[in-house]
Amino acid sequence: MITEITSAENELFKKWKLLDTSRGIRKSGEFFLMGEKLIQEFLHVYNPSIHSPYKIKAEIISEDLHPLTPSFPSANKPRQVPTFKLAKNLFKEIDFIGTHFNLLLLELPELETYNFGTTPQGLELITPLGDPGNLGAILRSALAFGTSKVILTQEAAFPFLPKVIKASAGAVLQIPLLRCGPLTELVGHEVYALDAEGSDIANFRWPRSLRLLVGEEGPGLAGLKGLMKLKIQTGEVESLNASVAASIALYCYRQSLGPSFNKG
């Protein structure tokens, strides 16, 4: 059954209009998955009978689109997913990144708080990046190069913003995410960090398990003491984009694990 919405005063529509902000997402406990490729991939693996942190709450279409959720194999078919058909002008307002494709409304998961008292397992990436595009790009690289988890500090952008999900190419839904307090919480803990004043990463012998911090391009790691710093030689260029630097470091880490890991 499809519910039609034609008025901008509809309460559901007014709530959905706020889902391009972290405040709106947190308040509603829902976020949008957007983009044809991401949605098709998500529906192919989604199984409502298995516990998933990303439960489908609704599918939203415009007047010239058809619902997708009923067309998938019965084993993976979401059951009783409400479908809402919006007038074209209303749909355009909530299609925040201009996909012109169906939208899935997913339940917002609760991110666990990271415990710095534990021993790291694999490479655990810590980031305070506030730019959604940069954060999404780092999450994509983190998934590609075998990062075990990503820890978002208090300063980081909200990971379920549409721009973060798009830039991550869906990696935000696949890699374990945790949260922690401000950057200052790292002081006193064993953390490696990318920094222009560190030791050359080319000569670094990577431990199999470590915490690696990627800071903001502007403020960097100002005020943080006791970190073990690593730098990437950049010649005449003063610094690299944070997501580019992180990708290089993560690739170096993966290569250090040897051929057996790189086959994965």
C-alpha atoms as a PDB file:
ATOM      1  CA  MET A   1       0.000   0.000   0.000  1.00  0.00           C
ATOM      2  CA  ILE A   2       1.315   3.429  -0.981  1.00  0.00           C
ATOM      3  CA  THR A   3       0.569   6.608   0.963  1.00  0.00           C
ATOM      4  CA  GLU A   4       0.548   9.788  -1.091  1.00  0.00           C
ATOM      5  CA  ILE A   5       1.848  13.072   0.306  1.00  0.00           C
ATOM      6  CA  THR A   6       1.065  16.266  -1.605  1.00  0.00           C
ATOM      7  CA  SER A   7       1.284  18.956   1.094  1.00  0.00           C
ATOM      8  CA  ALA A   8       4.434  20.587   2.478  1.00  0.00           C
ATOM      9  CA  GLU A   9       2.585  20.824   5.804  1.00  0.00           C
ATOM     10  CA  ASN A  10       2.542  17.058   6.210  1.00  0.00           C
ATOM     11  CA  GLU A  11       4.305  16.198   9.488  1.00  0.00           C
ATOM     12  CA  LEU A  12       6.320  13.349   8.008  1.00  0.00           C
ATOM     13  CA  PHE A  13       7.520  15.530   5.158  1.00  0.00           C
ATOM     14  CA  LYS A  14       8.544  18.304   7.560  1.00  0.00           C
ATOM     15  CA  LYS A  15      10.555  15.772   9.574  1.00  0.00           C
ATOM     16  CA  TRP A  16      12.250  14.369   6.464  1.00  0.00           C
ATOM     17  CA  LYS A  17      13.276  17.872   5.348  1.00  0.00           C
ATOM     18  CA  LEU A  18      15.560  18.026   8.386  1.00  0.00           C
ATOM     19  CA  LEU A  19      17.429  14.826   7.588  1.00  0.00           C
ATOM     20  CA  ASP A  20      20.300  16.677   5.922  1.00  0.00           C
ATOM     21  CA  THR A  21      21.389  17.926   9.376  1.00  0.00           C
ATOM     22  CA  SER A  22      22.914  15.997  12.248  1.00  0.00           C
ATOM     23  CA  ARG A  23      20.389  17.525  14.626  1.00  0.00           C
ATOM     24  CA  GLY A  24      17.451  16.426  12.487  1.00  0.00           C
ATOM     25  CA  ILE A  25      18.815  12.905  12.095  1.00  0.00           C
ATOM     26  CA  ARG A  26      19.491  12.482  15.812  1.00  0.00           C
ATOM     27  CA  LYS A  27      16.079  13.839  16.752  1.00  0.00           C
ATOM     28  CA  SER A  28      14.169  11.552  14.382  1.00  0.00           C
ATOM     29  CA  GLY A  29      16.412   8.501  14.830  1.00  0.00           C
ATOM     30  CA  GLU A  30      16.378   7.999  11.054  1.00  0.00           C
ATOM     31  CA  PHE A  31      18.557   8.813   8.064  1.00  0.00           C
ATOM     32  CA  PHE A  32      18.347   8.579   4.285  1.00  0.00           C
ATOM     33  CA  LEU A  33      20.178   6.166   2.031  1.00  0.00           C
ATOM     34  CA  MET A  34      20.384   7.792  -1.401  1.00  0.00           C
ATOM     35  CA  GLY A  35      21.738   6.802  -4.791  1.00  0.00           C
ATOM     36  CA  GLU A  36      20.681   4.031  -7.181  1.00  0.00           C
ATOM     37  CA  LYS A  37      23.841   1.917  -6.829  1.00  0.00           C
ATOM     38  CA  LEU A  38      23.958   2.129  -3.028  1.00  0.00           C
ATOM     39  CA  ILE A  39      20.288   1.272  -2.665  1.00  0.00           C
ATOM     40  CA  GLN A  40      20.431  -1.649  -5.097  1.00  0.00           C
ATOM     41  CA  GLU A  41      23.473  -3.072  -3.285  1.00  0.00           C
ATOM     42  CA  PHE A  42      21.863  -2.583   0.117  1.00  0.00           C
ATOM     43  CA  LEU A  43      18.637  -4.331  -0.866  1.00  0.00           C
ATOM     44  CA  HIS A  44      20.504  -7.297  -2.354  1.00  0.00           C
ATOM     45  CA  VAL A  45      22.114  -8.114   1.000  1.00  0.00           C
ATOM     46  CA  TYR A  46      19.372  -6.894   3.337  1.00  0.00           C
ATOM     47  CA  ASN A  47      17.592  -9.647   5.231  1.00  0.00           C
ATOM     48  CA  PRO A  48      14.931  -8.615   7.758  1.00  0.00           C
ATOM     49  CA  SER A  49      15.147 -11.978   9.532  1.00  0.00           C
ATOM     50  CA  ILE A  50      18.760 -11.314  10.541  1.00  0.00           C
ATOM     51  CA  HIS A  51      19.663  -8.653  13.072  1.00  0.00           C
ATOM     52  CA  SER A  52      20.952  -5.565  11.300  1.00  0.00           C
ATOM     53  CA  PRO A  53      21.731  -2.116  12.692  1.00  0.00           C
ATOM     54  CA  TYR A  54      20.180  -0.631   9.563  1.00  0.00           C
ATOM     55  CA  LYS A  55      16.503  -1.489   9.588  1.00  0.00           C
ATOM     56  CA  ILE A  56      14.429  -0.138   6.697  1.00  0.00           C
ATOM     57  CA  LYS A  57      11.743   2.181   8.041  1.00  0.00           C
ATOM     58  CA  ALA A  58      10.229   3.340   4.733  1.00  0.00           C
ATOM     59  CA  GLU A  59      10.717   3.768   1.005  1.00  0.00           C
ATOM     60  CA  ILE A  60       9.997   7.154  -0.525  1.00  0.00           C
ATOM     61  CA  ILE A  61       9.286   7.708  -4.212  1.00  0.00           C
ATOM     62  CA  SER A  62       8.116  10.522  -6.450  1.00  0.00           C
ATOM     63  CA  GLU A  63       5.211  10.455  -8.882  1.00  0.00           C
ATOM     64  CA  ASP A  64       7.364   9.064 -11.718  1.00  0.00           C
ATOM     65  CA  LEU A  65       9.131   6.326  -9.711  1.00  0.00           C
ATOM     66  CA  HIS A  66       8.090   2.823  -8.722  1.00  0.00           C
ATOM     67  CA  PRO A  67       8.815   1.133  -5.370  1.00  0.00           C
ATOM     68  CA  LEU A  68      11.791  -1.232  -5.255  1.00  0.00           C
ATOM     69  CA  THR A  69      11.339  -3.145  -2.016  1.00  0.00           C
ATOM     70  CA  PRO A  70       8.582  -5.519  -3.263  1.00  0.00           C
ATOM     71  CA  SER A  71      10.659  -6.644  -6.266  1.00  0.00           C
ATOM     72  CA  PHE A  72      13.526  -8.360  -4.461  1.00  0.00           C
ATOM     73  CA  PRO A  73      13.718 -12.130  -3.758  1.00  0.00           C
ATOM     74  CA  SER A  74      11.451 -13.232  -0.936  1.00  0.00           C
ATOM     75  CA  ALA A  75      14.401 -14.318   1.244  1.00  0.00           C
ATOM     76  CA  ASN A  76      15.655 -10.751   1.336  1.00  0.00           C
ATOM     77  CA  LYS A  77      12.399  -8.889   0.893  1.00  0.00           C
ATOM     78  CA  PRO A  78      11.667  -6.356   3.635  1.00  0.00           C
ATOM     79  CA  ARG A  79       8.228  -7.130   5.014  1.00  0.00           C
ATOM     80  CA  GLN A  80       5.584  -4.453   5.297  1.00  0.00           C
ATOM     81  CA  VAL A  81       7.866  -1.577   4.398  1.00  0.00           C
ATOM     82  CA  PRO A  82       5.717   1.556   4.253  1.00  0.00           C
ATOM     83  CA  THR A  83       5.966   3.326   0.903  1.00  0.00           C
ATOM     84  CA  PHE A  84       5.265   7.034   0.447  1.00  0.00           C
ATOM     85  CA  LYS A  85       4.717   8.737  -2.893  1.00  0.00           C
ATOM     86  CA  LEU A  86       5.531  12.446  -2.854  1.00  0.00           C
ATOM     87  CA  ALA A  87       4.548  15.150  -5.286  1.00  0.00           C
ATOM     88  CA  LYS A  88       7.531  15.958  -7.540  1.00  0.00           C
ATOM     89  CA  ASN A  89       8.229  19.336  -5.932  1.00  0.00           C
ATOM     90  CA  LEU A  90       8.231  17.789  -2.441  1.00  0.00           C
ATOM     91  CA  PHE A  91      10.437  14.874  -3.462  1.00  0.00           C
ATOM     92  CA  LYS A  92      12.973  17.276  -4.936  1.00  0.00           C
ATOM     93  CA  GLU A  93      13.254  19.055  -1.578  1.00  0.00           C
ATOM     94  CA  ILE A  94      14.331  15.914   0.276  1.00  0.00           C
ATOM     95  CA  ASP A  95      16.442  14.440  -2.532  1.00  0.00           C
ATOM     96  CA  PHE A  96      19.322  16.382  -0.992  1.00  0.00           C
ATOM     97  CA  ILE A  97      22.087  15.227  -3.336  1.00  0.00           C
ATOM     98  CA  GLY A  98      19.960  15.122  -6.492  1.00  0.00           C
ATOM     99  CA  THR A  99      19.808  11.380  -7.142  1.00  0.00           C
ATOM    100  CA  HIS A 100      16.375  11.436  -8.854  1.00  0.00           C
ATOM    101  CA  PHE A 101      15.972   7.922  -7.489  1.00  0.00           C
ATOM    102  CA  ASN A 102      14.041   6.159  -4.740  1.00  0.00           C
ATOM    103  CA  LEU A 103      15.032   6.976  -1.158  1.00  0.00           C
ATOM    104  CA  LEU A 104      15.324   4.488   1.688  1.00  0.00           C
ATOM    105  CA  LEU A 105      14.687   5.673   5.210  1.00  0.00           C
ATOM    106  CA  LEU A 106      16.845   3.684   7.626  1.00  0.00           C
ATOM    107  CA  GLU A 107      16.867   3.423  11.394  1.00  0.00           C
ATOM    108  CA  LEU A 108      19.755   5.281  13.023  1.00  0.00           C
ATOM    109  CA  PRO A 109      22.081   2.922  14.933  1.00  0.00           C
ATOM    110  CA  GLU A 110      23.496   3.723  18.357  1.00  0.00           C
ATOM    111  CA  LEU A 111      27.275   4.087  18.127  1.00  0.00           C
ATOM    112  CA  GLU A 112      29.231   2.512  20.967  1.00  0.00           C
ATOM    113  CA  THR A 113      31.713   4.591  22.972  1.00  0.00           C
ATOM    114  CA  TYR A 114      35.311   3.561  22.397  1.00  0.00           C
ATOM    115  CA  ASN A 115      37.303   2.433  25.415  1.00  0.00           C
ATOM    116  CA  PHE A 116      40.916   3.608  25.283  1.00  0.00           C
ATOM    117  CA  GLY A 117      41.721   1.183  28.059  1.00  0.00           C
ATOM    118  CA  THR A 118      41.455  -1.739  25.629  1.00  0.00           C
ATOM    119  CA  THR A 119      44.247  -3.128  23.451  1.00  0.00           C
ATOM    120  CA  PRO A 120      43.883  -2.185  19.767  1.00  0.00           C
ATOM    121  CA  GLN A 121      42.980  -4.959  17.357  1.00  0.00           C
ATOM    122  CA  GLY A 122      44.301  -4.325  13.861  1.00  0.00           C
ATOM    123  CA  LEU A 123      44.542  -0.738  12.688  1.00  0.00           C
ATOM    124  CA  GLU A 124      42.014   1.429  14.515  1.00  0.00           C
ATOM    125  CA  LEU A 125      41.624   4.767  12.770  1.00  0.00           C
ATOM    126  CA  ILE A 126      40.775   7.849  14.836  1.00  0.00           C
ATOM    127  CA  THR A 127      39.543  10.998  13.122  1.00  0.00           C
ATOM    128  CA  PRO A 128      38.110  14.387  14.092  1.00  0.00           C
ATOM    129  CA  LEU A 129      37.380  15.442  10.492  1.00  0.00           C
ATOM    130  CA  GLY A 130      34.513  17.901  10.389  1.00  0.00           C
ATOM    131  CA  ASP A 131      34.161  18.130   6.610  1.00  0.00           C
ATOM    132  CA  PRO A 132      31.560  15.575   5.401  1.00  0.00           C
ATOM    133  CA  GLY A 133      33.342  14.972   2.098  1.00  0.00           C
ATOM    134  CA  ASN A 134      36.699  14.327   3.748  1.00  0.00           C
ATOM    135  CA  LEU A 135      35.162  12.066   6.376  1.00  0.00           C
ATOM    136  CA  GLY A 136      33.323  10.039   3.745  1.00  0.00           C
ATOM    137  CA  ALA A 137      36.485   9.674   1.665  1.00  0.00           C
ATOM    138  CA  ILE A 138      38.457   8.429   4.683  1.00  0.00           C
ATOM    139  CA  LEU A 139      35.756   5.891   5.541  1.00  0.00           C
ATOM    140  CA  ARG A 140      35.931   4.593   1.971  1.00  0.00           C
ATOM    141  CA  SER A 141      39.717   4.162   2.195  1.00  0.00           C
ATOM    142  CA  ALA A 142      39.456   2.642   5.657  1.00  0.00           C
ATOM    143  CA  LEU A 143      37.194  -0.091   4.309  1.00  0.00           C
ATOM    144  CA  ALA A 144      39.365  -0.636   1.234  1.00  0.00           C
ATOM    145  CA  PHE A 145      42.590  -1.097   3.195  1.00  0.00           C
ATOM    146  CA  GLY A 146      41.433  -3.318   6.029  1.00  0.00           C
ATOM    147  CA  THR A 147      40.925  -0.895   8.902  1.00  0.00           C
ATOM    148  CA  SER A 148      39.342  -2.801  11.789  1.00  0.00           C
ATOM    149  CA  LYS A 149      37.268   0.136  13.055  1.00  0.00           C
ATOM    150  CA  VAL A 150      36.933   3.912  12.828  1.00  0.00           C
ATOM    151  CA  ILE A 151      36.665   6.016  15.982  1.00  0.00           C
ATOM    152  CA  LEU A 152      35.003   9.401  15.530  1.00  0.00           C
ATOM    153  CA  THR A 153      35.997  12.078  18.006  1.00  0.00           C
ATOM    154  CA  GLN A 154      33.587  14.699  19.280  1.00  0.00           C
ATOM    155  CA  GLU A 155      34.833  17.102  16.595  1.00  0.00           C
ATOM    156  CA  ALA A 156      34.015  14.814  13.655  1.00  0.00           C
ATOM    157  CA  ALA A 157      31.145  15.317  11.225  1.00  0.00           C
ATOM    158  CA  PHE A 158      28.064  13.197  11.814  1.00  0.00           C
ATOM    159  CA  PRO A 159      28.645  10.005   9.793  1.00  0.00           C
ATOM    160  CA  PHE A 160      25.051   9.561   8.572  1.00  0.00           C
ATOM    161  CA  LEU A 161      24.746  12.881   6.782  1.00  0.00           C
ATOM    162  CA  PRO A 162      23.851  12.396   3.096  1.00  0.00           C
ATOM    163  CA  LYS A 163      27.153  13.951   1.955  1.00  0.00           C
ATOM    164  CA  VAL A 164      29.200  11.605   4.158  1.00  0.00           C
ATOM    165  CA  ILE A 165      27.357   8.513   2.924  1.00  0.00           C
ATOM    166  CA  LYS A 166      27.766   9.595  -0.708  1.00  0.00           C
ATOM    167  CA  ALA A 167      31.500  10.356  -0.334  1.00  0.00           C
ATOM    168  CA  SER A 168      32.040   7.033   1.440  1.00  0.00           C
ATOM    169  CA  ALA A 169      30.330   5.120  -1.403  1.00  0.00           C
ATOM    170  CA  GLY A 170      28.367   3.277   1.277  1.00  0.00           C
ATOM    171  CA  ALA A 171      31.432   2.320   3.361  1.00  0.00           C
ATOM    172  CA  VAL A 172      29.826   4.028   6.358  1.00  0.00           C
ATOM    173  CA  LEU A 173      27.316   1.147   6.448  1.00  0.00           C
ATOM    174  CA  GLN A 174      30.001  -1.542   6.294  1.00  0.00           C
ATOM    175  CA  ILE A 175      32.839  -0.525   8.591  1.00  0.00           C
ATOM    176  CA  PRO A 176      32.511  -0.595  12.411  1.00  0.00           C
ATOM    177  CA  LEU A 177      32.044   2.935  13.754  1.00  0.00           C
ATOM    178  CA  LEU A 178      32.575   4.025  17.344  1.00  0.00           C
ATOM    179  CA  ARG A 179      32.628   7.398  19.030  1.00  0.00           C
ATOM    180  CA  CYS A 180      34.749   9.036  21.705  1.00  0.00           C
ATOM    181  CA  GLY A 181      35.121  12.419  23.390  1.00  0.00           C
ATOM    182  CA  PRO A 182      37.236  15.369  22.204  1.00  0.00           C
ATOM    183  CA  LEU A 183      40.745  14.997  20.829  1.00  0.00           C
ATOM    184  CA  THR A 184      42.205  15.825  24.219  1.00  0.00           C
ATOM    185  CA  GLU A 185      40.909  12.441  25.418  1.00  0.00           C
ATOM    186  CA  LEU A 186      43.748  10.840  23.450  1.00  0.00           C
ATOM    187  CA  VAL A 187      46.464  12.357  25.649  1.00  0.00           C
ATOM    188  CA  GLY A 188      48.193   9.698  27.714  1.00  0.00           C
ATOM    189  CA  HIS A 189      47.273   6.834  25.390  1.00  0.00           C
ATOM    190  CA  GLU A 190      49.435   5.055  22.823  1.00  0.00           C
ATOM    191  CA  VAL A 191      48.410   6.701  19.568  1.00  0.00           C
ATOM    192  CA  TYR A 192      50.291   7.216  16.309  1.00  0.00           C
ATOM    193  CA  ALA A 193      49.427  10.333  14.338  1.00  0.00           C
ATOM    194  CA  LEU A 194      50.042  11.705  10.858  1.00  0.00           C
ATOM    195  CA  ASP A 195      51.861  15.017  11.198  1.00  0.00           C
ATOM    196  CA  ALA A 196      54.268  17.151   9.176  1.00  0.00           C
ATOM    197  CA  GLU A 197      56.806  17.054  12.018  1.00  0.00           C
ATOM    198  CA  GLY A 198      56.903  13.264  12.458  1.00  0.00           C
ATOM    199  CA  SER A 199      59.240  10.462  11.425  1.00  0.00           C
ATOM    200  CA  ASP A 200      59.248   9.433   7.784  1.00  0.00           C
ATOM    201  CA  ILE A 201      56.452   6.919   7.208  1.00  0.00           C
ATOM    202  CA  ALA A 202      58.559   5.213   4.514  1.00  0.00           C
ATOM    203  CA  ASN A 203      60.881   3.867   7.206  1.00  0.00           C
ATOM    204  CA  PHE A 204      58.217   3.005   9.748  1.00  0.00           C
ATOM    205  CA  ARG A 205      57.862  -0.608  10.871  1.00  0.00           C
ATOM    206  CA  TRP A 206      54.143  -1.005  11.313  1.00  0.00           C
ATOM    207  CA  PRO A 207      52.897  -3.004  14.293  1.00  0.00           C
ATOM    208  CA  ARG A 208      50.038  -5.312  13.394  1.00  0.00           C
ATOM    209  CA  SER A 209      47.755  -3.520  15.862  1.00  0.00           C
ATOM    210  CA  LEU A 210      47.769   0.220  16.560  1.00  0.00           C
ATOM    211  CA  ARG A 211      45.685   3.351  16.812  1.00  0.00           C
ATOM    212  CA  LEU A 212      46.292   5.900  14.037  1.00  0.00           C
ATOM    213  CA  LEU A 213      45.041   9.475  14.246  1.00  0.00           C
ATOM    214  CA  VAL A 214      44.333  11.624  11.190  1.00  0.00           C
ATOM    215  CA  GLY A 215      43.832  15.252  12.186  1.00  0.00           C
ATOM    216  CA  GLU A 216      42.254  18.263  10.531  1.00  0.00           C
ATOM    217  CA  GLU A 217      44.270  20.031   7.847  1.00  0.00           C
ATOM    218  CA  GLY A 218      44.036  23.445   9.518  1.00  0.00           C
ATOM    219  CA  PRO A 219      44.522  23.011  13.282  1.00  0.00           C
ATOM    220  CA  GLY A 220      46.308  19.691  12.877  1.00  0.00           C
ATOM    221  CA  LEU A 221      47.376  18.226  16.214  1.00  0.00           C
ATOM    222  CA  ALA A 222      47.992  21.491  18.033  1.00  0.00           C
ATOM    223  CA  GLY A 223      47.999  21.078  21.789  1.00  0.00           C
ATOM    224  CA  LEU A 224      48.248  17.287  21.763  1.00  0.00           C
ATOM    225  CA  LYS A 225      51.378  15.978  23.432  1.00  0.00           C
ATOM    226  CA  GLY A 226      52.825  12.509  23.685  1.00  0.00           C
ATOM    227  CA  LEU A 227      51.678  11.256  20.283  1.00  0.00           C
ATOM    228  CA  MET A 228      54.013   9.174  18.121  1.00  0.00           C
ATOM    229  CA  LYS A 229      54.096  11.203  14.911  1.00  0.00           C
ATOM    230  CA  LEU A 230      54.537   9.990  11.333  1.00  0.00           C
ATOM    231  CA  LYS A 231      54.947  12.156   8.257  1.00  0.00           C
ATOM    232  CA  ILE A 232      54.523  11.601   4.536  1.00  0.00           C
ATOM    233  CA  GLN A 233      57.237  13.255   2.454  1.00  0.00           C
ATOM    234  CA  THR A 234      55.562  15.729   0.096  1.00  0.00           C
ATOM    235  CA  GLY A 235      58.478  17.532  -1.581  1.00  0.00           C
ATOM    236  CA  GLU A 236      57.590  21.125  -2.400  1.00  0.00           C
ATOM    237  CA  VAL A 237      53.959  20.691  -1.348  1.00  0.00           C
ATOM    238  CA  GLU A 238      53.412  21.832   2.225  1.00  0.00           C
ATOM    239  CA  SER A 239      50.711  19.301   3.064  1.00  0.00           C
ATOM    240  CA  LEU A 240      48.226  16.814   1.633  1.00  0.00           C
ATOM    241  CA  ASN A 241      44.466  16.705   1.901  1.00  0.00           C
ATOM    242  CA  ALA A 242      43.629  14.770   5.070  1.00  0.00           C
ATOM    243  CA  SER A 243      41.784  12.015   3.218  1.00  0.00           C
ATOM    244  CA  VAL A 244      44.649  11.608   0.740  1.00  0.00           C
ATOM    245  CA  ALA A 245      47.226  11.398   3.547  1.00  0.00           C
ATOM    246  CA  ALA A 246      45.091   8.863   5.396  1.00  0.00           C
ATOM    247  CA  SER A 247      44.730   6.730   2.252  1.00  0.00           C
ATOM    248  CA  ILE A 248      48.496   6.635   1.733  1.00  0.00           C
ATOM    249  CA  ALA A 249      49.098   5.648   5.364  1.00  0.00           C
ATOM    250  CA  LEU A 250      46.420   2.954   5.293  1.00  0.00           C
ATOM    251  CA  TYR A 251      47.846   1.521   2.084  1.00  0.00           C
ATOM    252  CA  CYS A 252      51.316   1.401   3.656  1.00  0.00           C
ATOM    253  CA  TYR A 253      49.880  -0.409   6.658  1.00  0.00           C
ATOM    254  CA  ARG A 254      48.121  -2.985   4.506  1.00  0.00           C
ATOM    255  CA  GLN A 255      51.258  -3.601   2.455  1.00  0.00           C
ATOM    256  CA  SER A 256      53.219  -4.182   5.661  1.00  0.00           C
ATOM    257  CA  LEU A 257      50.998  -7.155   6.498  1.00  0.00           C
ATOM    258  CA  GLY A 258      52.339  -9.134   3.566  1.00  0.00           C
ATOM    259  CA  PRO A 259      50.983 -11.056   0.567  1.00  0.00           C
ATOM    260  CA  SER A 260      48.569 -13.299   2.478  1.00  0.00           C
ATOM    261  CA  PHE A 261      46.604 -10.324   3.775  1.00  0.00           C
ATOM    262  CA  ASN A 262      46.718  -8.468   0.463  1.00  0.00           C
ATOM    263  CA  LYS A 263      44.957 -11.333  -1.298  1.00  0.00           C
ATOM    264  CA  GLY A 264      41.833 -10.589   0.763  1.00  0.00           C
END
